[in-house]
Amino acid sequence: MSERQVDITIEAPRELVYDLLSDIEAMAIWSPEVVRCAWLGNAGGPNVGAQFQGWCRNGRRRWSTISTIVVADPPAAFGWRV
């Protein structure tokens, strides 16, 4: 299993950046492969332990993933494990 972490400096208020990154339903706007994402079960937002499903496409290839939120510390950090 591999792990990736990305650190990027963005000239914007931390709260705004966190809100954008933690809005998984809008992920299709940012990703060329993600078609849509939706929270699973009774998850209503980006809380540790919440899960979401992502549907992806690259040419004819289609797949989906289940991810779990592992860090939700507004406005400092947000992360998930696929």
Protein backbone atom coordinates (compact mmCIF):
# COMPACT_ATOMS: atom_id res chain seq x y z
CA MET A 1 0.00 0.00 0.00
CA SER A 2 1.37 3.42 -0.86
CA GLU A 3 0.66 6.71 0.82
CA ARG A 4 0.78 10.13 -0.72
CA GLN A 5 0.80 13.48 0.94
CA VAL A 6 0.79 16.83 -0.79
CA ASP A 7 1.68 20.18 0.73
CA ILE A 8 0.72 23.23 -1.30
CA THR A 9 0.85 26.93 -0.39
CA ILE A 10 -2.33 28.76 -1.41
CA GLU A 11 -2.78 32.49 -0.98
CA ALA A 12 -6.31 32.38 0.46
CA PRO A 13 -7.98 32.28 3.87
CA ARG A 14 -7.49 28.88 5.53
CA GLU A 15 -11.21 28.55 6.22
CA LEU A 16 -12.07 28.97 2.53
CA VAL A 17 -9.46 26.44 1.40
CA TYR A 18 -10.62 23.90 4.00
CA ASP A 19 -14.26 24.34 2.96
CA LEU A 20 -13.39 23.78 -0.70
CA LEU A 21 -11.21 20.70 -0.09
CA SER A 22 -13.62 19.06 2.35
CA ASP A 23 -16.60 19.42 -0.01
CA ILE A 24 -16.26 15.93 -1.50
CA GLU A 25 -19.48 16.32 -3.51
CA ALA A 26 -17.72 19.05 -5.52
CA MET A 27 -14.62 16.91 -6.17
CA ALA A 28 -15.67 16.35 -9.80
CA ILE A 29 -15.01 20.04 -10.41
CA TRP A 30 -11.34 19.63 -9.48
CA SER A 31 -10.53 16.16 -10.85
CA PRO A 32 -10.34 15.11 -14.51
CA GLU A 33 -11.28 11.50 -13.55
CA VAL A 34 -13.90 11.91 -10.81
CA VAL A 35 -17.45 11.93 -12.15
CA ARG A 36 -19.17 12.35 -8.78
CA CYS A 37 -18.87 11.65 -5.06
CA ALA A 38 -21.51 11.03 -2.41
CA TRP A 39 -21.52 10.48 1.33
CA LEU A 40 -22.37 6.94 2.46
CA GLY A 41 -24.66 5.84 5.28
CA ASN A 42 -25.59 8.58 7.68
CA ALA A 43 -22.43 10.62 7.02
CA GLY A 44 -23.54 14.19 6.62
CA GLY A 45 -20.21 15.81 6.13
CA PRO A 46 -16.45 15.69 6.53
CA ASN A 47 -16.06 14.11 9.95
CA VAL A 48 -13.44 11.53 10.98
CA GLY A 49 -14.81 8.06 10.21
CA ALA A 50 -17.34 9.27 7.62
CA GLN A 51 -17.22 7.43 4.31
CA PHE A 52 -17.92 8.48 0.75
CA GLN A 53 -18.01 6.77 -2.60
CA GLY A 54 -16.38 8.21 -5.68
CA TRP A 55 -17.24 7.27 -9.26
CA CYS A 56 -14.44 7.76 -11.77
CA ARG A 57 -13.86 7.53 -15.50
CA ASN A 58 -10.82 7.64 -17.75
CA GLY A 59 -11.73 6.98 -21.37
CA ARG A 60 -13.65 3.70 -21.47
CA ARG A 61 -12.38 2.62 -18.04
CA ARG A 62 -14.83 3.19 -15.16
CA TRP A 63 -14.45 2.38 -11.46
CA SER A 64 -15.57 3.44 -8.03
CA THR A 65 -13.82 3.78 -4.69
CA ILE A 66 -14.84 3.94 -1.05
CA SER A 67 -12.92 6.43 1.07
CA THR A 68 -12.86 7.11 4.80
CA ILE A 69 -12.12 10.51 6.34
CA VAL A 70 -9.04 10.12 8.57
CA VAL A 71 -8.32 13.78 9.42
CA ALA A 72 -10.85 16.58 9.83
CA ASP A 73 -9.29 19.45 11.75
CA PRO A 74 -10.76 22.69 10.40
CA PRO A 75 -9.20 24.82 9.12
CA ALA A 76 -5.79 23.14 9.43
CA ALA A 77 -5.98 19.65 7.91
CA PHE A 78 -8.28 17.38 5.94
CA GLY A 79 -7.49 13.90 4.62
CA TRP A 80 -8.98 10.57 3.61
CA ARG A 81 -7.86 7.02 2.93
CA VAL A 82 -9.05 5.21 -0.21
